[in-house]
Amino acid sequence: MKKEQNAERQEGGSLLEALRLDRTQLTQEQLCRRCGIPLRTYARWVSGETQARPTIAQVKALCRELGLTINELPDDFGPMMRSHSQDEIE
C-alpha cells in the first residue's frame, strides 16, 4: 500500500506530508524553499493548526515538485481524521 493511502488511513496523518515523502527526496525545508512557503506555515498546514491558504504560485510549485496535477493535489493539507464508520469497518 502506498504511503499516501496509509496517510489517509492513519488518524492525524497529513496527505500532503505523505505525498512529499512518497514522491520526493526533499526535506520539508527544501520543499518549502522551492515552493516559496515559509517552513512554519507548512508545519501549521500539515499539523492542522491552521487551514492552508496557498497562493496560486505556491499551488503551482507544489504540483511541480510533487509531480501532481492540480486535481491530484489534496483539498485539505492537514491531518486526515477517521470517522466512526471507518473504525467499524476495520
Protein backbone atom coordinates (compact mmCIF):
# COMPACT_ATOMS: atom_id res chain seq x y z
CA MET A 1 0.00 0.00 0.00
CA LYS A 2 1.34 3.43 -0.89
CA LYS A 3 2.30 5.96 1.76
CA GLU A 4 -0.42 8.36 0.57
CA GLN A 5 -3.03 5.67 1.16
CA ASN A 6 -1.52 4.97 4.58
CA ALA A 7 -1.80 8.64 5.48
CA GLU A 8 -5.49 8.57 4.67
CA ARG A 9 -5.95 5.62 7.00
CA GLN A 10 -3.94 6.97 9.90
CA GLU A 11 -5.66 9.42 12.18
CA GLY A 12 -3.62 12.57 12.23
CA GLY A 13 -1.60 11.78 9.11
CA SER A 14 -1.28 14.58 6.57
CA LEU A 15 -1.84 13.57 2.96
CA LEU A 16 0.40 16.43 1.81
CA GLU A 17 3.23 15.19 4.02
CA ALA A 18 2.73 11.62 2.80
CA LEU A 19 2.94 12.84 -0.80
CA ARG A 20 6.17 14.71 -0.05
CA LEU A 21 7.71 11.58 1.44
CA ASP A 22 6.42 9.27 -1.27
CA ARG A 23 7.14 11.40 -4.34
CA THR A 24 10.28 13.35 -3.45
CA GLN A 25 13.57 13.05 -1.65
CA LEU A 26 13.10 16.57 -0.30
CA THR A 27 13.05 17.62 3.33
CA GLN A 28 10.24 19.87 4.48
CA GLU A 29 12.67 22.77 4.39
CA GLN A 30 13.76 22.03 0.82
CA LEU A 31 10.19 21.66 -0.43
CA CYS A 32 9.18 24.89 1.28
CA ARG A 33 12.12 26.77 -0.18
CA ARG A 34 11.32 25.55 -3.71
CA CYS A 35 7.63 26.42 -3.32
CA GLY A 36 8.00 29.77 -1.59
CA ILE A 37 6.24 28.57 1.56
CA PRO A 38 7.59 29.55 4.99
CA LEU A 39 8.58 26.38 6.86
CA ARG A 40 6.49 27.29 9.89
CA THR A 41 3.46 27.83 7.65
CA TYR A 42 3.93 24.39 6.08
CA ALA A 43 4.23 22.84 9.54
CA ARG A 44 0.99 24.53 10.59
CA TRP A 45 -0.76 23.27 7.46
CA VAL A 46 0.24 19.62 7.88
CA SER A 47 -0.45 19.62 11.63
CA GLY A 48 -3.89 21.13 11.12
CA GLU A 49 -3.01 24.12 13.31
CA THR A 50 -4.16 26.42 10.51
CA GLN A 51 -6.09 25.86 7.31
CA ALA A 52 -3.89 26.02 4.23
CA ARG A 53 -4.41 29.05 2.04
CA PRO A 54 -1.63 28.74 -0.51
CA THR A 55 -1.18 31.33 -3.22
CA ILE A 56 -1.61 30.33 -6.85
CA ALA A 57 2.17 30.39 -7.26
CA GLN A 58 2.57 28.06 -4.24
CA VAL A 59 -0.07 25.66 -5.61
CA LYS A 60 1.71 25.55 -8.98
CA ALA A 61 5.05 24.95 -7.26
CA LEU A 62 3.62 22.17 -5.07
CA CYS A 63 2.17 20.46 -8.13
CA ARG A 64 5.51 20.77 -9.95
CA GLU A 65 7.61 19.49 -7.04
CA LEU A 66 5.23 16.64 -6.16
CA GLY A 67 4.64 15.66 -9.80
CA LEU A 68 0.89 16.12 -9.48
CA THR A 69 -1.83 17.78 -11.47
CA ILE A 70 -3.98 20.33 -9.68
CA ASN A 71 -6.77 17.75 -9.49
CA GLU A 72 -4.47 15.31 -7.70
CA LEU A 73 -3.42 17.84 -5.06
CA PRO A 74 -5.36 17.22 -1.83
CA ASP A 75 -8.10 19.71 -0.98
CA ASP A 76 -7.04 19.73 2.66
CA PHE A 77 -3.37 19.66 3.69
CA GLY A 78 -3.98 18.96 7.38
CA PRO A 79 -4.34 15.69 9.27
CA MET A 80 -6.88 13.20 8.00
CA MET A 81 -9.50 12.41 10.59
CA ARG A 82 -11.08 9.00 10.83
CA SER A 83 -14.82 8.78 11.07
CA HIS A 84 -16.56 6.29 13.33
CA SER A 85 -17.75 4.37 10.28
CA GLN A 86 -14.12 3.81 9.22
CA ASP A 87 -13.33 2.43 12.68
CA GLU A 88 -16.24 0.00 12.44
CA ILE A 89 -15.05 -1.30 9.05
CA GLU A 90 -11.55 -2.07 10.29
